[in-house]
Amino acid sequence: GSPNAALEALACGTPVIALEEAGGIVEIAAQTPKPCAVTLCRTMDEFLNAMKNVKKAGRERPSLLPGQYRYTNVIKEFEKIITNLNQATP
């Protein structure tokens, strides 16, 4: 599955801390343009330590979302699917 909460956080410019077992998060981490956008943890102790180091943000931040999840790219993909369906219909 897709970790929607992680995608929503990244879209708002909020870095994500997650256990590696969370479905799809390893792939998203590999695609993020900034290496600090997703912190992957192997154990709960690593997770808790990462949480302790979180700094409060006082202003709006730019999106950290990987490009393939940005709405303009998603729209293009849907348009391709619809076009292909229309062409396949006799």
PDB file of N, CA and C in Angstrom:
ATOM      1  N   GLY A   1       0.803  -1.175   0.000  1.00  0.00           N
ATOM      2  CA  GLY A   1       0.000   0.000   0.000  1.00  0.00           C
ATOM      3  C   GLY A   1       0.858   1.255   0.000  1.00  0.00           C
ATOM      4  N   SER A   2       0.203   2.341  -0.191  1.00  0.00           N
ATOM      5  CA  SER A   2       0.859   3.647  -0.194  1.00  0.00           C
ATOM      6  C   SER A   2       0.633   4.316   1.155  1.00  0.00           C
ATOM      7  N   PRO A   3       1.698   4.775   1.800  1.00  0.00           N
ATOM      8  CA  PRO A   3       1.549   5.433   3.096  1.00  0.00           C
ATOM      9  C   PRO A   3       1.060   6.873   2.921  1.00  0.00           C
ATOM     10  N   ASN A   4      -0.251   7.040   2.839  1.00  0.00           N
ATOM     11  CA  ASN A   4      -0.821   8.352   2.545  1.00  0.00           C
ATOM     12  C   ASN A   4      -0.439   9.415   3.567  1.00  0.00           C
ATOM     13  N   ALA A   5      -0.382   9.059   4.838  1.00  0.00           N
ATOM     14  CA  ALA A   5      -0.021  10.061   5.855  1.00  0.00           C
ATOM     15  C   ALA A   5       1.385  10.597   5.597  1.00  0.00           C
ATOM     16  N   ALA A   6       2.294   9.726   5.181  1.00  0.00           N
ATOM     17  CA  ALA A   6       3.662  10.165   4.874  1.00  0.00           C
ATOM     18  C   ALA A   6       3.659  11.080   3.649  1.00  0.00           C
ATOM     19  N   LEU A   7       2.899  10.727   2.630  1.00  0.00           N
ATOM     20  CA  LEU A   7       2.817  11.565   1.429  1.00  0.00           C
ATOM     21  C   LEU A   7       2.212  12.929   1.759  1.00  0.00           C
ATOM     22  N   GLU A   8       1.184  12.941   2.592  1.00  0.00           N
ATOM     23  CA  GLU A   8       0.556  14.204   2.979  1.00  0.00           C
ATOM     24  C   GLU A   8       1.535  15.070   3.770  1.00  0.00           C
ATOM     25  N   ALA A   9       2.281  14.459   4.679  1.00  0.00           N
ATOM     26  CA  ALA A   9       3.264  15.215   5.463  1.00  0.00           C
ATOM     27  C   ALA A   9       4.324  15.825   4.543  1.00  0.00           C
ATOM     28  N   LEU A  10       4.846  15.020   3.620  1.00  0.00           N
ATOM     29  CA  LEU A  10       5.865  15.513   2.690  1.00  0.00           C
ATOM     30  C   LEU A  10       5.318  16.646   1.825  1.00  0.00           C
ATOM     31  N   ALA A  11       4.069  16.518   1.396  1.00  0.00           N
ATOM     32  CA  ALA A  11       3.453  17.566   0.575  1.00  0.00           C
ATOM     33  C   ALA A  11       3.385  18.887   1.332  1.00  0.00           C
ATOM     34  N   CYS A  12       3.268  18.801   2.651  1.00  0.00           N
ATOM     35  CA  CYS A  12       3.213  20.015   3.495  1.00  0.00           C
ATOM     36  C   CYS A  12       4.597  20.463   3.935  1.00  0.00           C
ATOM     37  N   GLY A  13       5.637  19.791   3.466  1.00  0.00           N
ATOM     38  CA  GLY A  13       6.995  20.173   3.830  1.00  0.00           C
ATOM     39  C   GLY A  13       7.442  19.638   5.171  1.00  0.00           C
ATOM     40  N   THR A  14       6.709  18.663   5.706  1.00  0.00           N
ATOM     41  CA  THR A  14       7.040  18.092   7.006  1.00  0.00           C
ATOM     42  C   THR A  14       7.838  16.815   6.822  1.00  0.00           C
ATOM     43  N   PRO A  15       9.052  16.762   7.346  1.00  0.00           N
ATOM     44  CA  PRO A  15       9.845  15.533   7.250  1.00  0.00           C
ATOM     45  C   PRO A  15       9.132  14.367   7.944  1.00  0.00           C
ATOM     46  N   VAL A  16       9.416  13.172   7.500  1.00  0.00           N
ATOM     47  CA  VAL A  16       8.760  11.962   7.996  1.00  0.00           C
ATOM     48  C   VAL A  16       9.777  11.069   8.698  1.00  0.00           C
ATOM     49  N   ILE A  17       9.359  10.500   9.814  1.00  0.00           N
ATOM     50  CA  ILE A  17      10.126   9.481  10.517  1.00  0.00           C
ATOM     51  C   ILE A  17       9.268   8.225  10.486  1.00  0.00           C
ATOM     52  N   ALA A  18       9.828   7.114  10.012  1.00  0.00           N
ATOM     53  CA  ALA A  18       9.028   5.896   9.894  1.00  0.00           C
ATOM     54  C   ALA A  18       9.893   4.659  10.083  1.00  0.00           C
ATOM     55  N   LEU A  19       9.245   3.598  10.521  1.00  0.00           N
ATOM     56  CA  LEU A  19       9.917   2.310  10.561  1.00  0.00           C
ATOM     57  C   LEU A  19       9.993   1.766   9.144  1.00  0.00           C
ATOM     58  N   GLU A  20      11.083   1.084   8.825  1.00  0.00           N
ATOM     59  CA  GLU A  20      11.273   0.562   7.465  1.00  0.00           C
ATOM     60  C   GLU A  20      10.170  -0.392   7.041  1.00  0.00           C
ATOM     61  N   GLU A  21       9.506  -1.020   8.008  1.00  0.00           N
ATOM     62  CA  GLU A  21       8.459  -1.990   7.686  1.00  0.00           C
ATOM     63  C   GLU A  21       7.189  -1.349   7.146  1.00  0.00           C
ATOM     64  N   ALA A  22       7.045  -0.039   7.332  1.00  0.00           N
ATOM     65  CA  ALA A  22       5.837   0.640   6.852  1.00  0.00           C
ATOM     66  C   ALA A  22       5.752   0.497   5.334  1.00  0.00           C
ATOM     67  N   GLY A  23       4.657  -0.002   4.840  1.00  0.00           N
ATOM     68  CA  GLY A  23       4.486  -0.279   3.420  1.00  0.00           C
ATOM     69  C   GLY A  23       4.759   0.907   2.524  1.00  0.00           C
ATOM     70  N   GLY A  24       5.664   0.752   1.579  1.00  0.00           N
ATOM     71  CA  GLY A  24       5.941   1.762   0.569  1.00  0.00           C
ATOM     72  C   GLY A  24       6.875   2.888   0.987  1.00  0.00           C
ATOM     73  N   ILE A  25       7.207   2.981   2.259  1.00  0.00           N
ATOM     74  CA  ILE A  25       8.004   4.126   2.722  1.00  0.00           C
ATOM     75  C   ILE A  25       9.446   4.064   2.232  1.00  0.00           C
ATOM     76  N   VAL A  26      10.001   2.877   2.089  1.00  0.00           N
ATOM     77  CA  VAL A  26      11.386   2.754   1.614  1.00  0.00           C
ATOM     78  C   VAL A  26      11.491   3.282   0.184  1.00  0.00           C
ATOM     79  N   GLU A  27      10.488   2.975  -0.642  1.00  0.00           N
ATOM     80  CA  GLU A  27      10.483   3.453  -2.025  1.00  0.00           C
ATOM     81  C   GLU A  27      10.320   4.970  -2.083  1.00  0.00           C
ATOM     82  N   ILE A  28       9.471   5.515  -1.235  1.00  0.00           N
ATOM     83  CA  ILE A  28       9.282   6.962  -1.210  1.00  0.00           C
ATOM     84  C   ILE A  28      10.557   7.654  -0.745  1.00  0.00           C
ATOM     85  N   ALA A  29      11.200   7.095   0.270  1.00  0.00           N
ATOM     86  CA  ALA A  29      12.452   7.677   0.776  1.00  0.00           C
ATOM     87  C   ALA A  29      13.505   7.722  -0.324  1.00  0.00           C
ATOM     88  N   ALA A  30      13.544   6.688  -1.158  1.00  0.00           N
ATOM     89  CA  ALA A  30      14.532   6.633  -2.243  1.00  0.00           C
ATOM     90  C   ALA A  30      14.254   7.679  -3.317  1.00  0.00           C
ATOM     91  N   GLN A  31      13.021   8.165  -3.408  1.00  0.00           N
ATOM     92  CA  GLN A  31      12.640   9.109  -4.461  1.00  0.00           C
ATOM     93  C   GLN A  31      12.630  10.563  -4.002  1.00  0.00           C
ATOM     94  N   THR A  32      12.751  10.814  -2.719  1.00  0.00           N
ATOM     95  CA  THR A  32      12.666  12.191  -2.236  1.00  0.00           C
ATOM     96  C   THR A  32      13.898  12.980  -2.648  1.00  0.00           C
ATOM     97  N   PRO A  33      13.699  14.232  -3.076  1.00  0.00           N
ATOM     98  CA  PRO A  33      14.824  15.035  -3.546  1.00  0.00           C
ATOM     99  C   PRO A  33      15.787  15.449  -2.429  1.00  0.00           C
ATOM    100  N   LYS A  34      15.307  15.512  -1.192  1.00  0.00           N
ATOM    101  CA  LYS A  34      16.174  15.893  -0.077  1.00  0.00           C
ATOM    102  C   LYS A  34      16.378  14.674   0.824  1.00  0.00           C
ATOM    103  N   PRO A  35      17.623  14.317   1.088  1.00  0.00           N
ATOM    104  CA  PRO A  35      17.886  13.114   1.880  1.00  0.00           C
ATOM    105  C   PRO A  35      17.308  13.153   3.292  1.00  0.00           C
ATOM    106  N   CYS A  36      17.118  14.326   3.860  1.00  0.00           N
ATOM    107  CA  CYS A  36      16.604  14.430   5.225  1.00  0.00           C
ATOM    108  C   CYS A  36      15.073  14.409   5.270  1.00  0.00           C
ATOM    109  N   ALA A  37      14.415  14.299   4.124  1.00  0.00           N
ATOM    110  CA  ALA A  37      12.957  14.349   4.092  1.00  0.00           C
ATOM    111  C   ALA A  37      12.326  13.141   4.775  1.00  0.00           C
ATOM    112  N   VAL A  38      12.942  11.970   4.636  1.00  0.00           N
ATOM    113  CA  VAL A  38      12.414  10.750   5.256  1.00  0.00           C
ATOM    114  C   VAL A  38      13.526  10.092   6.051  1.00  0.00           C
ATOM    115  N   THR A  39      13.276   9.896   7.328  1.00  0.00           N
ATOM    116  CA  THR A  39      14.207   9.175   8.189  1.00  0.00           C
ATOM    117  C   THR A  39      13.650   7.783   8.401  1.00  0.00           C
ATOM    118  N   LEU A  40      14.386   6.779   7.956  1.00  0.00           N
ATOM    119  CA  LEU A  40      13.964   5.391   8.118  1.00  0.00           C
ATOM    120  C   LEU A  40      14.636   4.797   9.344  1.00  0.00           C
ATOM    121  N   CYS A  41      13.858   4.128  10.161  1.00  0.00           N
ATOM    122  CA  CYS A  41      14.365   3.525  11.391  1.00  0.00           C
ATOM    123  C   CYS A  41      14.146   2.012  11.344  1.00  0.00           C
ATOM    124  N   ARG A  42      15.118   1.282  11.856  1.00  0.00           N
ATOM    125  CA  ARG A  42      15.013  -0.182  11.899  1.00  0.00           C
ATOM    126  C   ARG A  42      14.361  -0.672  13.186  1.00  0.00           C
ATOM    127  N   THR A  43      14.514   0.092  14.260  1.00  0.00           N
ATOM    128  CA  THR A  43      13.982  -0.327  15.557  1.00  0.00           C
ATOM    129  C   THR A  43      13.169   0.799  16.184  1.00  0.00           C
ATOM    130  N   MET A  44      12.384   0.432  17.176  1.00  0.00           N
ATOM    131  CA  MET A  44      11.604   1.447  17.873  1.00  0.00           C
ATOM    132  C   MET A  44      12.517   2.398  18.638  1.00  0.00           C
ATOM    133  N   ASP A  45      13.645   1.912  19.136  1.00  0.00           N
ATOM    134  CA  ASP A  45      14.594   2.803  19.813  1.00  0.00           C
ATOM    135  C   ASP A  45      15.118   3.871  18.853  1.00  0.00           C
ATOM    136  N   GLU A  46      15.466   3.466  17.623  1.00  0.00           N
ATOM    137  CA  GLU A  46      15.907   4.442  16.617  1.00  0.00           C
ATOM    138  C   GLU A  46      14.792   5.451  16.331  1.00  0.00           C
ATOM    139  N   PHE A  47      13.568   4.957  16.247  1.00  0.00           N
ATOM    140  CA  PHE A  47      12.413   5.815  15.978  1.00  0.00           C
ATOM    141  C   PHE A  47      12.258   6.854  17.093  1.00  0.00           C
ATOM    142  N   LEU A  48      12.308   6.389  18.341  1.00  0.00           N
ATOM    143  CA  LEU A  48      12.148   7.297  19.478  1.00  0.00           C
ATOM    144  C   LEU A  48      13.277   8.324  19.544  1.00  0.00           C
ATOM    145  N   ASN A  49      14.495   7.910  19.244  1.00  0.00           N
ATOM    146  CA  ASN A  49      15.621   8.851  19.222  1.00  0.00           C
ATOM    147  C   ASN A  49      15.443   9.897  18.129  1.00  0.00           C
ATOM    148  N   ALA A  50      14.959   9.470  16.963  1.00  0.00           N
ATOM    149  CA  ALA A  50      14.714  10.419  15.871  1.00  0.00           C
ATOM    150  C   ALA A  50      13.632  11.419  16.274  1.00  0.00           C
ATOM    151  N   MET A  51      12.600  10.939  16.965  1.00  0.00           N
ATOM    152  CA  MET A  51      11.519  11.827  17.418  1.00  0.00           C
ATOM    153  C   MET A  51      12.037  12.863  18.417  1.00  0.00           C
ATOM    154  N   LYS A  52      12.983  12.471  19.251  1.00  0.00           N
ATOM    155  CA  LYS A  52      13.536  13.398  20.240  1.00  0.00           C
ATOM    156  C   LYS A  52      14.300  14.548  19.573  1.00  0.00           C
ATOM    157  N   ASN A  53      14.792  14.317  18.370  1.00  0.00           N
ATOM    158  CA  ASN A  53      15.598  15.316  17.670  1.00  0.00           C
ATOM    159  C   ASN A  53      14.788  16.216  16.736  1.00  0.00           C
ATOM    160  N   VAL A  54      13.471  16.051  16.729  1.00  0.00           N
ATOM    161  CA  VAL A  54      12.618  16.867  15.861  1.00  0.00           C
ATOM    162  C   VAL A  54      12.615  18.305  16.366  1.00  0.00           C
ATOM    163  N   LYS A  55      12.790  19.222  15.437  1.00  0.00           N
ATOM    164  CA  LYS A  55      12.765  20.646  15.764  1.00  0.00           C
ATOM    165  C   LYS A  55      11.462  21.247  15.256  1.00  0.00           C
ATOM    166  N   LYS A  56      10.888  22.108  16.052  1.00  0.00           N
ATOM    167  CA  LYS A  56       9.642  22.755  15.669  1.00  0.00           C
ATOM    168  C   LYS A  56       9.901  23.757  14.556  1.00  0.00           C
ATOM    169  N   ALA A  57       9.043  23.723  13.544  1.00  0.00           N
ATOM    170  CA  ALA A  57       9.153  24.669  12.436  1.00  0.00           C
ATOM    171  C   ALA A  57       8.217  25.846  12.707  1.00  0.00           C
ATOM    172  N   GLY A  58       8.689  27.030  12.462  1.00  0.00           N
ATOM    173  CA  GLY A  58       7.887  28.206  12.738  1.00  0.00           C
ATOM    174  C   GLY A  58       7.305  28.867  11.506  1.00  0.00           C
ATOM    175  N   ARG A  59       7.516  28.289  10.341  1.00  0.00           N
ATOM    176  CA  ARG A  59       7.013  28.925   9.122  1.00  0.00           C
ATOM    177  C   ARG A  59       6.619  27.856   8.105  1.00  0.00           C
ATOM    178  N   GLU A  60       5.958  28.296   7.060  1.00  0.00           N
ATOM    179  CA  GLU A  60       5.549  27.376   6.014  1.00  0.00           C
ATOM    180  C   GLU A  60       6.789  26.860   5.284  1.00  0.00           C
ATOM    181  N   ARG A  61       6.777  25.596   4.944  1.00  0.00           N
ATOM    182  CA  ARG A  61       7.917  24.981   4.264  1.00  0.00           C
ATOM    183  C   ARG A  61       7.513  24.500   2.875  1.00  0.00           C
ATOM    184  N   PRO A  62       8.455  24.458   1.952  1.00  0.00           N
ATOM    185  CA  PRO A  62       8.143  23.943   0.618  1.00  0.00           C
ATOM    186  C   PRO A  62       7.922  22.432   0.666  1.00  0.00           C
ATOM    187  N   SER A  63       7.200  21.947  -0.299  1.00  0.00           N
ATOM    188  CA  SER A  63       6.894  20.525  -0.383  1.00  0.00           C
ATOM    189  C   SER A  63       8.167  19.688  -0.497  1.00  0.00           C
ATOM    190  N   LEU A  64       8.163  18.539   0.144  1.00  0.00           N
ATOM    191  CA  LEU A  64       9.245  17.560   0.045  1.00  0.00           C
ATOM    192  C   LEU A  64       8.795  16.334  -0.743  1.00  0.00           C
ATOM    193  N   LEU A  65       7.616  16.411  -1.314  1.00  0.00           N
ATOM    194  CA  LEU A  65       7.010  15.293  -2.019  1.00  0.00           C
ATOM    195  C   LEU A  65       7.804  14.925  -3.267  1.00  0.00           C
ATOM    196  N   PRO A  66       8.077  13.619  -3.476  1.00  0.00           N
ATOM    197  CA  PRO A  66       8.732  13.208  -4.719  1.00  0.00           C
ATOM    198  C   PRO A  66       7.881  13.623  -5.928  1.00  0.00           C
ATOM    199  N   GLY A  67       8.543  13.968  -7.013  1.00  0.00           N
ATOM    200  CA  GLY A  67       7.872  14.486  -8.200  1.00  0.00           C
ATOM    201  C   GLY A  67       6.737  13.642  -8.735  1.00  0.00           C
ATOM    202  N   GLN A  68       6.876  12.337  -8.689  1.00  0.00           N
ATOM    203  CA  GLN A  68       5.835  11.484  -9.269  1.00  0.00           C
ATOM    204  C   GLN A  68       4.504  11.584  -8.524  1.00  0.00           C
ATOM    205  N   TYR A  69       4.501  12.091  -7.308  1.00  0.00           N
ATOM    206  CA  TYR A  69       3.281  12.232  -6.526  1.00  0.00           C
ATOM    207  C   TYR A  69       2.690  13.637  -6.599  1.00  0.00           C
ATOM    208  N   ARG A  70       3.336  14.559  -7.267  1.00  0.00           N
ATOM    209  CA  ARG A  70       2.793  15.917  -7.393  1.00  0.00           C
ATOM    210  C   ARG A  70       1.570  15.886  -8.309  1.00  0.00           C
ATOM    211  N   TYR A  71       0.595  16.724  -7.980  1.00  0.00           N
ATOM    212  CA  TYR A  71      -0.686  16.625  -8.677  1.00  0.00           C
ATOM    213  C   TYR A  71      -0.574  16.794 -10.182  1.00  0.00           C
ATOM    214  N   THR A  72       0.340  17.622 -10.662  1.00  0.00           N
ATOM    215  CA  THR A  72       0.455  17.809 -12.113  1.00  0.00           C
ATOM    216  C   THR A  72       0.899  16.517 -12.797  1.00  0.00           C
ATOM    217  N   ASN A  73       1.789  15.785 -12.165  1.00  0.00           N
ATOM    218  CA  ASN A  73       2.243  14.513 -12.737  1.00  0.00           C
ATOM    219  C   ASN A  73       1.173  13.434 -12.614  1.00  0.00           C
ATOM    220  N   VAL A  74       0.427  13.442 -11.525  1.00  0.00           N
ATOM    221  CA  VAL A  74      -0.660  12.473 -11.352  1.00  0.00           C
ATOM    222  C   VAL A  74      -1.735  12.707 -12.405  1.00  0.00           C
ATOM    223  N   ILE A  75      -2.055  13.977 -12.676  1.00  0.00           N
ATOM    224  CA  ILE A  75      -3.050  14.299 -13.700  1.00  0.00           C
ATOM    225  C   ILE A  75      -2.599  13.784 -15.062  1.00  0.00           C
ATOM    226  N   LYS A  76      -1.330  13.969 -15.386  1.00  0.00           N
ATOM    227  CA  LYS A  76      -0.802  13.487 -16.676  1.00  0.00           C
ATOM    228  C   LYS A  76      -0.951  11.972 -16.787  1.00  0.00           C
ATOM    229  N   GLU A  77      -0.693  11.265 -15.695  1.00  0.00           N
ATOM    230  CA  GLU A  77      -0.815   9.803 -15.714  1.00  0.00           C
ATOM    231  C   GLU A  77      -2.272   9.378 -15.912  1.00  0.00           C
ATOM    232  N   PHE A  78      -3.196  10.059 -15.242  1.00  0.00           N
ATOM    233  CA  PHE A  78      -4.610   9.753 -15.439  1.00  0.00           C
ATOM    234  C   PHE A  78      -5.041  10.053 -16.873  1.00  0.00           C
ATOM    235  N   GLU A  79      -4.550  11.135 -17.442  1.00  0.00           N
ATOM    236  CA  GLU A  79      -4.887  11.468 -18.825  1.00  0.00           C
ATOM    237  C   GLU A  79      -4.396  10.382 -19.778  1.00  0.00           C
ATOM    238  N   LYS A  80      -3.208   9.839 -19.524  1.00  0.00           N
ATOM    239  CA  LYS A  80      -2.683   8.741 -20.356  1.00  0.00           C
ATOM    240  C   LYS A  80      -3.593   7.521 -20.260  1.00  0.00           C
ATOM    241  N   ILE A  81      -4.019   7.194 -19.048  1.00  0.00           N
ATOM    242  CA  ILE A  81      -4.890   6.028 -18.851  1.00  0.00           C
ATOM    243  C   ILE A  81      -6.207   6.218 -19.588  1.00  0.00           C
ATOM    244  N   ILE A  82      -6.797   7.400 -19.449  1.00  0.00           N
ATOM    245  CA  ILE A  82      -8.083   7.671 -20.115  1.00  0.00           C
ATOM    246  C   ILE A  82      -7.935   7.649 -21.611  1.00  0.00           C
ATOM    247  N   THR A  83      -6.850   8.222 -22.128  1.00  0.00           N
ATOM    248  CA  THR A  83      -6.599   8.209 -23.562  1.00  0.00           C
ATOM    249  C   THR A  83      -6.459   6.784 -24.068  1.00  0.00           C
ATOM    250  N   ASN A  84      -5.700   5.973 -23.344  1.00  0.00           N
ATOM    251  CA  ASN A  84      -5.510   4.572 -23.746  1.00  0.00           C
ATOM    252  C   ASN A  84      -6.822   3.795 -23.705  1.00  0.00           C
ATOM    253  N   LEU A  85      -7.674   4.067 -22.721  1.00  0.00           N
ATOM    254  CA  LEU A  85      -8.967   3.402 -22.646  1.00  0.00           C
ATOM    255  C   LEU A  85      -9.859   3.805 -23.818  1.00  0.00           C
ATOM    256  N   ASN A  86      -9.846   5.092 -24.143  1.00  0.00           N
ATOM    257  CA  ASN A  86     -10.655   5.572 -25.262  1.00  0.00           C
ATOM    258  C   ASN A  86     -10.177   4.997 -26.591  1.00  0.00           C
ATOM    259  N   GLN A  87      -8.889   4.834 -26.765  1.00  0.00           N
ATOM    260  CA  GLN A  87      -8.346   4.285 -28.000  1.00  0.00           C
ATOM    261  C   GLN A  87      -8.608   2.791 -28.106  1.00  0.00           C
ATOM    262  N   ALA A  88      -8.715   2.107 -26.988  1.00  0.00           N
ATOM    263  CA  ALA A  88      -8.926   0.661 -26.976  1.00  0.00           C
ATOM    264  C   ALA A  88     -10.395   0.303 -27.177  1.00  0.00           C
ATOM    265  N   THR A  89     -11.298   1.245 -26.976  1.00  0.00           N
ATOM    266  CA  THR A  89     -12.726   0.989 -27.120  1.00  0.00           C
ATOM    267  C   THR A  89     -13.102   1.081 -28.583  1.00  0.00           C
ATOM    268  N   PRO A  90     -13.731  -0.012 -29.102  1.00  0.00           N
ATOM    269  CA  PRO A  90     -14.132   0.017 -30.533  1.00  0.00           C
ATOM    270  C   PRO A  90     -15.303   0.916 -30.809  1.00  0.00           C
TER     271      PRO A  90
END
